[in-house]
Amino acid sequence: KIQGRLNDVGLLLATHAKRQDNGRYTPEAEAVLDDVASFSRLFHTFCWANYARNLRILLTPRGMSRMLSRGLMTQNDFNALQSIEQAGANNACLEWMVLRAFKGIEDGAIKDSESMEHALLAKISDLRGTYAGISDILDGRMPLAYAHFVQILVDSFLITAPVALYAELGLWSILSVGILTLFY
């Protein structure tokens, strides 16, 4: 889902980028799109580095230094990320994406319209929400064996309930078990 939201942001900016008469992007628009793409790659990398133990090294100064040496970030990006706590690197990149897009709008490299700005902010918010939801999914996992065990207990209870309740309720036990089944 994160990749889909990043694609939405990229598509939105690409369709509103200024073009020359031959259909190619203007140099200014291409610079904006390249910067936002770079920030989105960093965001995506740091996003998964927050969740995958084997990628956490990328959040350390050593990992970021290696990314810098491989050309995955600029010296300015590296310097800015060094002053941020490790878990916030992805949020910084997300902010940079928004700031660079709005700077491109301000400079005229991206066509300005209120609806485009609103859509861009909505997509960025969706992206942030999707990213933030990953920790909820990881924290809320329930082992399959536990869920299966609970299902067996509930089924056993509902199967034996009519027999257990018949002495007390008579034929009403059938109706009461139906109600129990409805709410379980």
C-alpha atoms as a PDB file:
ATOM      1  CA  LYS A   1       0.000   0.000   0.000  1.00  0.00           C
ATOM      2  CA  ILE A   2       2.858   2.378   0.694  1.00  0.00           C
ATOM      3  CA  GLN A   3       4.196   1.956  -2.826  1.00  0.00           C
ATOM      4  CA  GLY A   4       0.722   2.698  -4.192  1.00  0.00           C
ATOM      5  CA  ARG A   5       0.475   5.939  -2.228  1.00  0.00           C
ATOM      6  CA  LEU A   6       3.962   6.962  -3.403  1.00  0.00           C
ATOM      7  CA  ASN A   7       2.884   6.259  -6.972  1.00  0.00           C
ATOM      8  CA  ASP A   8      -0.204   8.437  -6.439  1.00  0.00           C
ATOM      9  CA  VAL A   9       1.951  11.359  -5.304  1.00  0.00           C
ATOM     10  CA  GLY A  10       4.333  10.898  -8.234  1.00  0.00           C
ATOM     11  CA  LEU A  11       1.491  10.663 -10.750  1.00  0.00           C
ATOM     12  CA  LEU A  12      -0.202  13.746  -9.363  1.00  0.00           C
ATOM     13  CA  LEU A  13       2.971  15.797  -9.616  1.00  0.00           C
ATOM     14  CA  ALA A  14       3.942  14.407 -13.034  1.00  0.00           C
ATOM     15  CA  THR A  15       0.573  15.263 -14.548  1.00  0.00           C
ATOM     16  CA  HIS A  16       0.747  18.820 -13.222  1.00  0.00           C
ATOM     17  CA  ALA A  17       4.399  19.451 -14.101  1.00  0.00           C
ATOM     18  CA  LYS A  18       5.003  22.202 -16.661  1.00  0.00           C
ATOM     19  CA  ARG A  19       5.994  20.976 -20.113  1.00  0.00           C
ATOM     20  CA  GLN A  20       7.734  22.435 -23.127  1.00  0.00           C
ATOM     21  CA  ASP A  21       6.120  22.621 -26.560  1.00  0.00           C
ATOM     22  CA  ASN A  22       7.635  19.243 -27.480  1.00  0.00           C
ATOM     23  CA  GLY A  23       5.889  17.584 -24.497  1.00  0.00           C
ATOM     24  CA  ARG A  24       8.999  17.165 -22.356  1.00  0.00           C
ATOM     25  CA  TYR A  25       9.174  18.539 -18.837  1.00  0.00           C
ATOM     26  CA  THR A  26      10.741  21.937 -18.373  1.00  0.00           C
ATOM     27  CA  PRO A  27      14.134  21.751 -16.600  1.00  0.00           C
ATOM     28  CA  GLU A  28      12.586  23.271 -13.484  1.00  0.00           C
ATOM     29  CA  ALA A  29       9.729  20.749 -13.428  1.00  0.00           C
ATOM     30  CA  GLU A  30      12.146  17.876 -13.996  1.00  0.00           C
ATOM     31  CA  ALA A  31      14.256  19.075 -11.059  1.00  0.00           C
ATOM     32  CA  VAL A  32      11.169  19.113  -8.802  1.00  0.00           C
ATOM     33  CA  LEU A  33      10.116  15.624  -9.913  1.00  0.00           C
ATOM     34  CA  ASP A  34      13.644  14.282  -9.430  1.00  0.00           C
ATOM     35  CA  ASP A  35      13.899  15.765  -5.941  1.00  0.00           C
ATOM     36  CA  VAL A  36      10.504  14.428  -4.870  1.00  0.00           C
ATOM     37  CA  ALA A  37      11.382  11.002  -6.318  1.00  0.00           C
ATOM     38  CA  SER A  38      14.657  11.000  -4.397  1.00  0.00           C
ATOM     39  CA  PHE A  39      12.892  11.928  -1.157  1.00  0.00           C
ATOM     40  CA  SER A  40      10.231   9.293  -1.746  1.00  0.00           C
ATOM     41  CA  ARG A  41      12.904   6.594  -2.213  1.00  0.00           C
ATOM     42  CA  LEU A  42      14.538   7.691   1.032  1.00  0.00           C
ATOM     43  CA  PHE A  43      11.158   7.715   2.772  1.00  0.00           C
ATOM     44  CA  HIS A  44      10.383   4.209   1.559  1.00  0.00           C
ATOM     45  CA  THR A  45      13.802   2.924   2.588  1.00  0.00           C
ATOM     46  CA  PHE A  46      13.647   4.448   6.059  1.00  0.00           C
ATOM     47  CA  CYS A  47      10.031   3.370   6.444  1.00  0.00           C
ATOM     48  CA  TRP A  48      10.937  -0.301   6.143  1.00  0.00           C
ATOM     49  CA  ALA A  49      14.150   0.189   8.102  1.00  0.00           C
ATOM     50  CA  ASN A  50      11.963   1.162  11.069  1.00  0.00           C
ATOM     51  CA  TYR A  51      10.170  -2.204  10.942  1.00  0.00           C
ATOM     52  CA  ALA A  52      12.690  -4.738   9.635  1.00  0.00           C
ATOM     53  CA  ARG A  53      15.463  -5.589  12.068  1.00  0.00           C
ATOM     54  CA  ASN A  54      17.911  -6.479   9.320  1.00  0.00           C
ATOM     55  CA  LEU A  55      17.456  -3.010   7.734  1.00  0.00           C
ATOM     56  CA  ARG A  56      17.796  -0.934  10.930  1.00  0.00           C
ATOM     57  CA  ILE A  57      21.465  -0.337  10.161  1.00  0.00           C
ATOM     58  CA  LEU A  58      20.260   2.100   7.485  1.00  0.00           C
ATOM     59  CA  LEU A  59      18.976   4.401  10.233  1.00  0.00           C
ATOM     60  CA  THR A  60      22.400   4.655  11.872  1.00  0.00           C
ATOM     61  CA  PRO A  61      25.062   7.197  10.883  1.00  0.00           C
ATOM     62  CA  ARG A  62      27.096   4.327   9.431  1.00  0.00           C
ATOM     63  CA  GLY A  63      24.194   3.171   7.250  1.00  0.00           C
ATOM     64  CA  MET A  64      23.366   6.679   6.102  1.00  0.00           C
ATOM     65  CA  SER A  65      27.022   7.310   5.359  1.00  0.00           C
ATOM     66  CA  ARG A  66      27.044   4.241   3.129  1.00  0.00           C
ATOM     67  CA  MET A  67      23.887   5.457   1.401  1.00  0.00           C
ATOM     68  CA  LEU A  68      25.591   8.811   0.854  1.00  0.00           C
ATOM     69  CA  SER A  69      28.671   7.139  -0.640  1.00  0.00           C
ATOM     70  CA  ARG A  70      26.437   5.156  -3.016  1.00  0.00           C
ATOM     71  CA  GLY A  71      24.660   8.311  -4.194  1.00  0.00           C
ATOM     72  CA  LEU A  72      21.316   7.477  -2.602  1.00  0.00           C
ATOM     73  CA  MET A  73      21.205  10.823  -0.809  1.00  0.00           C
ATOM     74  CA  THR A  74      22.913  14.167  -1.077  1.00  0.00           C
ATOM     75  CA  GLN A  75      25.327  15.635   1.432  1.00  0.00           C
ATOM     76  CA  ASN A  76      22.629  18.114   2.494  1.00  0.00           C
ATOM     77  CA  ASP A  77      20.167  15.267   3.106  1.00  0.00           C
ATOM     78  CA  PHE A  78      22.797  13.398   5.094  1.00  0.00           C
ATOM     79  CA  ASN A  79      23.624  16.431   7.238  1.00  0.00           C
ATOM     80  CA  ALA A  80      19.967  17.133   7.953  1.00  0.00           C
ATOM     81  CA  LEU A  81      19.245  13.490   8.851  1.00  0.00           C
ATOM     82  CA  GLN A  82      22.168  13.387  11.282  1.00  0.00           C
ATOM     83  CA  SER A  83      20.440  15.933  13.502  1.00  0.00           C
ATOM     84  CA  ILE A  84      17.193  13.924  13.606  1.00  0.00           C
ATOM     85  CA  GLU A  85      16.562  10.926  15.828  1.00  0.00           C
ATOM     86  CA  GLN A  86      16.747   7.662  13.905  1.00  0.00           C
ATOM     87  CA  ALA A  87      13.037   6.805  14.007  1.00  0.00           C
ATOM     88  CA  GLY A  88      12.144  10.199  12.494  1.00  0.00           C
ATOM     89  CA  ALA A  89      14.196   9.924   9.312  1.00  0.00           C
ATOM     90  CA  ASN A  90      11.259   8.741   7.251  1.00  0.00           C
ATOM     91  CA  ASN A  91       9.041  11.559   8.547  1.00  0.00           C
ATOM     92  CA  ALA A  92      11.688  14.091   7.599  1.00  0.00           C
ATOM     93  CA  CYS A  93      11.764  12.693   4.057  1.00  0.00           C
ATOM     94  CA  LEU A  94       7.973  12.856   3.880  1.00  0.00           C
ATOM     95  CA  GLU A  95       8.090  16.510   4.918  1.00  0.00           C
ATOM     96  CA  TRP A  96      10.771  17.191   2.319  1.00  0.00           C
ATOM     97  CA  MET A  97       8.537  15.684  -0.366  1.00  0.00           C
ATOM     98  CA  VAL A  98       5.724  18.071   0.539  1.00  0.00           C
ATOM     99  CA  LEU A  99       7.974  21.103   0.911  1.00  0.00           C
ATOM    100  CA  ARG A 100       9.717  20.473  -2.412  1.00  0.00           C
ATOM    101  CA  ALA A 101       6.404  19.978  -4.214  1.00  0.00           C
ATOM    102  CA  PHE A 102       4.999  23.223  -2.811  1.00  0.00           C
ATOM    103  CA  LYS A 103       8.235  25.042  -3.614  1.00  0.00           C
ATOM    104  CA  GLY A 104       7.839  23.770  -7.192  1.00  0.00           C
ATOM    105  CA  ILE A 105       4.300  25.124  -7.259  1.00  0.00           C
ATOM    106  CA  GLU A 106       5.496  28.451  -5.889  1.00  0.00           C
ATOM    107  CA  ASP A 107       8.272  28.631  -8.506  1.00  0.00           C
ATOM    108  CA  GLY A 108       5.878  27.751 -11.337  1.00  0.00           C
ATOM    109  CA  ALA A 109       7.421  24.365 -12.197  1.00  0.00           C
ATOM    110  CA  ILE A 110       4.216  22.613 -11.124  1.00  0.00           C
ATOM    111  CA  LYS A 111       0.863  23.983 -12.301  1.00  0.00           C
ATOM    112  CA  ASP A 112      -0.913  25.663  -9.439  1.00  0.00           C
ATOM    113  CA  SER A 113      -4.502  24.874  -8.609  1.00  0.00           C
ATOM    114  CA  GLU A 114      -6.297  24.625  -5.324  1.00  0.00           C
ATOM    115  CA  SER A 115      -7.672  21.192  -6.185  1.00  0.00           C
ATOM    116  CA  MET A 116      -4.197  19.861  -7.001  1.00  0.00           C
ATOM    117  CA  GLU A 117      -2.791  21.152  -3.714  1.00  0.00           C
ATOM    118  CA  HIS A 118      -5.698  19.602  -1.843  1.00  0.00           C
ATOM    119  CA  ALA A 119      -5.265  16.279  -3.669  1.00  0.00           C
ATOM    120  CA  LEU A 120      -1.514  16.310  -3.001  1.00  0.00           C
ATOM    121  CA  LEU A 121      -2.019  16.874   0.712  1.00  0.00           C
ATOM    122  CA  ALA A 122      -4.698  14.158   0.787  1.00  0.00           C
ATOM    123  CA  LYS A 123      -2.332  11.668  -0.879  1.00  0.00           C
ATOM    124  CA  ILE A 124       0.491  12.574   1.483  1.00  0.00           C
ATOM    125  CA  SER A 125      -1.870  12.165   4.442  1.00  0.00           C
ATOM    126  CA  ASP A 126      -2.981   8.779   3.092  1.00  0.00           C
ATOM    127  CA  LEU A 127       0.656   7.801   2.748  1.00  0.00           C
ATOM    128  CA  ARG A 128       1.417   8.838   6.313  1.00  0.00           C
ATOM    129  CA  GLY A 129      -1.654   6.992   7.576  1.00  0.00           C
ATOM    130  CA  THR A 130      -0.760   3.863   5.653  1.00  0.00           C
ATOM    131  CA  TYR A 131       2.776   3.969   7.009  1.00  0.00           C
ATOM    132  CA  ALA A 132       1.601   4.552  10.576  1.00  0.00           C
ATOM    133  CA  GLY A 133      -0.860   1.657  10.307  1.00  0.00           C
ATOM    134  CA  ILE A 134       1.919  -0.855   9.763  1.00  0.00           C
ATOM    135  CA  SER A 135       2.931  -0.788  13.420  1.00  0.00           C
ATOM    136  CA  ASP A 136      -0.687  -1.407  14.418  1.00  0.00           C
ATOM    137  CA  ILE A 137      -0.815  -4.457  12.182  1.00  0.00           C
ATOM    138  CA  LEU A 138       2.480  -5.778  13.536  1.00  0.00           C
ATOM    139  CA  ASP A 139       1.508  -5.134  17.159  1.00  0.00           C
ATOM    140  CA  GLY A 140      -1.944  -6.637  16.815  1.00  0.00           C
ATOM    141  CA  ARG A 141      -0.985  -9.984  15.369  1.00  0.00           C
ATOM    142  CA  MET A 142      -2.726 -12.962  16.887  1.00  0.00           C
ATOM    143  CA  PRO A 143      -1.151 -16.379  16.529  1.00  0.00           C
ATOM    144  CA  LEU A 144      -3.173 -18.664  14.289  1.00  0.00           C
ATOM    145  CA  ALA A 145      -3.153 -21.437  16.888  1.00  0.00           C
ATOM    146  CA  TYR A 146      -4.809 -19.141  19.445  1.00  0.00           C
ATOM    147  CA  ALA A 147      -7.533 -18.048  17.045  1.00  0.00           C
ATOM    148  CA  HIS A 148      -8.151 -21.674  16.070  1.00  0.00           C
ATOM    149  CA  PHE A 149      -8.336 -22.743  19.735  1.00  0.00           C
ATOM    150  CA  VAL A 150     -10.885 -20.014  20.535  1.00  0.00           C
ATOM    151  CA  GLN A 151     -12.966 -21.047  17.535  1.00  0.00           C
ATOM    152  CA  ILE A 152     -13.011 -24.667  18.764  1.00  0.00           C
ATOM    153  CA  LEU A 153     -14.063 -23.542  22.268  1.00  0.00           C
ATOM    154  CA  VAL A 154     -16.906 -21.403  20.931  1.00  0.00           C
ATOM    155  CA  ASP A 155     -18.101 -24.159  18.605  1.00  0.00           C
ATOM    156  CA  SER A 156     -18.023 -26.698  21.463  1.00  0.00           C
ATOM    157  CA  PHE A 157     -19.958 -24.333  23.699  1.00  0.00           C
ATOM    158  CA  LEU A 158     -22.621 -23.722  21.076  1.00  0.00           C
ATOM    159  CA  ILE A 159     -22.991 -27.417  20.240  1.00  0.00           C
ATOM    160  CA  THR A 160     -23.374 -28.498  23.877  1.00  0.00           C
ATOM    161  CA  ALA A 161     -25.520 -25.550  25.005  1.00  0.00           C
ATOM    162  CA  PRO A 162     -28.897 -26.990  23.874  1.00  0.00           C
ATOM    163  CA  VAL A 163     -28.312 -30.215  25.829  1.00  0.00           C
ATOM    164  CA  ALA A 164     -27.145 -28.329  28.917  1.00  0.00           C
ATOM    165  CA  LEU A 165     -29.990 -25.837  28.825  1.00  0.00           C
ATOM    166  CA  TYR A 166     -32.809 -28.264  27.977  1.00  0.00           C
ATOM    167  CA  ALA A 167     -33.401 -29.344  31.583  1.00  0.00           C
ATOM    168  CA  GLU A 168     -33.866 -25.748  32.681  1.00  0.00           C
ATOM    169  CA  LEU A 169     -35.506 -24.124  29.642  1.00  0.00           C
ATOM    170  CA  GLY A 170     -37.122 -26.953  27.755  1.00  0.00           C
ATOM    171  CA  LEU A 171     -37.916 -26.086  24.156  1.00  0.00           C
ATOM    172  CA  TRP A 172     -36.856 -22.475  24.817  1.00  0.00           C
ATOM    173  CA  SER A 173     -33.264 -23.737  24.858  1.00  0.00           C
ATOM    174  CA  ILE A 174     -33.394 -23.951  21.068  1.00  0.00           C
ATOM    175  CA  LEU A 175     -34.302 -20.265  20.804  1.00  0.00           C
ATOM    176  CA  SER A 176     -31.723 -19.252  23.422  1.00  0.00           C
ATOM    177  CA  VAL A 177     -28.959 -21.165  21.604  1.00  0.00           C
ATOM    178  CA  GLY A 178     -29.993 -19.423  18.396  1.00  0.00           C
ATOM    179  CA  ILE A 179     -29.554 -16.079  20.145  1.00  0.00           C
ATOM    180  CA  LEU A 180     -26.188 -17.187  21.572  1.00  0.00           C
ATOM    181  CA  THR A 181     -25.058 -18.223  18.096  1.00  0.00           C
ATOM    182  CA  LEU A 182     -26.125 -14.890  16.672  1.00  0.00           C
ATOM    183  CA  PHE A 183     -24.016 -12.956  19.162  1.00  0.00           C
ATOM    184  CA  TYR A 184     -20.984 -15.243  19.055  1.00  0.00           C
END
